């Protein structure tokens, strides 16, 4: 039987899916804008279509690069460790208090 995918494989697959769909949308949008500019402003030349597609592809690849280079985008909790020394005890004795709170949403 096949084993279920682990958490990191699922996250990586989601990043790839998002990367591919985002790039295709940006290339399609760039081609669409290039076609409109080609038809209405540049007398049906091909260079606006190529330029729009290239800009869309570049923007999509830049977003993919940013998504894969951002490994610490995991929401979690912040643990604050506070060390206190009681007044009536010896100086070597410390009390450790761990307080957790939600991480800020970005």
Protein backbone atom coordinates (compact mmCIF):
# COMPACT_ATOMS: atom_id res chain seq x y z
CA UNK A 1 0.00 0.00 0.00
CA UNK A 2 1.07 3.54 -0.64
CA UNK A 3 1.98 5.61 2.38
CA UNK A 4 0.31 9.00 2.83
CA UNK A 5 2.42 12.01 1.99
CA UNK A 6 4.20 13.66 4.88
CA UNK A 7 3.69 17.29 5.84
CA UNK A 8 6.78 18.64 4.08
CA UNK A 9 5.91 16.85 0.84
CA UNK A 10 2.42 18.31 0.96
CA UNK A 11 3.75 21.82 1.54
CA UNK A 12 6.27 21.45 -1.29
CA UNK A 13 3.56 20.15 -3.64
CA UNK A 14 1.31 23.08 -2.75
CA UNK A 15 4.16 25.51 -3.45
CA UNK A 16 4.78 23.93 -6.85
CA UNK A 17 1.07 24.01 -7.71
CA UNK A 18 0.81 27.65 -6.68
CA UNK A 19 4.00 28.50 -8.57
CA UNK A 20 2.86 26.91 -11.82
CA UNK A 21 -0.65 28.36 -11.69
CA UNK A 22 0.64 31.85 -10.80
CA UNK A 23 3.18 31.76 -13.64
CA UNK A 24 0.58 30.60 -16.16
CA UNK A 25 -1.79 33.38 -15.09
CA UNK A 26 0.91 36.02 -15.36
CA UNK A 27 2.07 34.79 -18.78
CA UNK A 28 -1.55 34.69 -20.00
CA UNK A 29 -2.19 38.19 -18.69
CA UNK A 30 1.00 39.48 -20.29
CA UNK A 31 0.10 37.90 -23.61
CA UNK A 32 -3.40 39.38 -23.42
CA UNK A 33 -2.09 42.87 -22.72
CA UNK A 34 0.49 42.42 -25.49
CA UNK A 35 -2.22 41.40 -27.98
CA UNK A 36 -4.35 44.42 -27.06
CA UNK A 37 -1.39 46.78 -27.44
CA UNK A 38 -0.36 45.08 -30.68
CA UNK A 39 -3.80 45.40 -32.25
CA UNK A 40 -4.69 48.91 -31.12
CA UNK A 41 -1.39 50.79 -30.84
CA UNK A 42 1.40 49.11 -32.80
CA UNK A 43 -0.28 48.12 -36.10
CA UNK A 44 -0.24 44.36 -35.45
CA UNK A 45 3.47 44.02 -34.71
CA UNK A 46 4.59 40.92 -32.79
CA UNK A 47 7.02 42.48 -30.35
CA UNK A 48 4.37 43.69 -27.83
CA UNK A 49 3.03 40.13 -27.58
CA UNK A 50 6.50 38.72 -26.96
CA UNK A 51 7.32 41.47 -24.50
CA UNK A 52 4.08 40.97 -22.54
CA UNK A 53 4.62 37.21 -22.38
CA UNK A 54 8.23 37.68 -21.29
CA UNK A 55 7.31 40.15 -18.58
CA UNK A 56 4.61 37.78 -17.30
CA UNK A 57 7.04 34.86 -17.31
CA UNK A 58 9.66 36.90 -15.46
CA UNK A 59 7.17 38.01 -12.82
CA UNK A 60 5.95 34.43 -12.32
CA UNK A 61 9.48 33.06 -11.97
CA UNK A 62 10.41 35.82 -9.52
CA UNK A 63 7.39 34.94 -7.37
CA UNK A 64 8.33 31.24 -7.51
CA UNK A 65 11.88 32.01 -6.48
CA UNK A 66 10.63 34.06 -3.55
CA UNK A 67 8.21 31.30 -2.49
CA UNK A 68 10.91 28.62 -2.45
CA UNK A 69 13.51 30.80 -0.70
CA UNK A 70 11.15 31.61 2.18
CA UNK A 71 11.43 28.52 4.40
CA UNK A 72 10.30 30.17 7.62
CA UNK A 73 6.76 31.06 6.57
CA UNK A 74 5.16 28.70 9.09
CA UNK A 75 2.64 30.05 11.58
CA UNK A 76 3.18 28.90 15.12
CA UNK A 77 3.41 30.06 18.68
CA UNK A 78 6.01 32.22 20.33
CA UNK A 79 7.50 30.87 23.53
CA UNK A 80 8.93 33.45 25.91
CA UNK A 81 11.23 32.11 28.61
CA UNK A 82 11.44 34.22 31.73
CA UNK A 83 13.97 33.31 34.40
CA UNK A 84 13.29 34.64 37.87
CA UNK A 85 15.26 34.30 41.05
CA UNK A 86 13.11 34.11 44.20
CA UNK A 87 14.06 36.71 46.83
CA UNK A 88 14.08 34.32 49.79
CA UNK A 89 16.10 31.52 48.12
CA UNK A 90 19.74 31.11 47.24
CA UNK A 91 21.08 33.01 44.19
CA UNK A 92 21.68 29.76 42.26
CA UNK A 93 18.04 28.74 42.38
CA UNK A 94 15.99 29.99 39.42
CA UNK A 95 12.39 29.57 38.34
CA UNK A 96 11.73 29.22 34.64
CA UNK A 97 8.36 30.40 33.37
CA UNK A 98 7.36 29.60 29.80
CA UNK A 99 4.51 31.67 28.39
CA UNK A 100 3.16 30.92 24.91
CA UNK A 101 1.13 33.22 22.73
CA UNK A 102 -0.06 33.19 19.13
CA UNK A 103 2.35 34.39 16.50
CA UNK A 104 1.29 37.60 14.73
CA UNK A 105 -0.55 36.99 11.46
CA UNK A 106 1.23 38.45 8.50
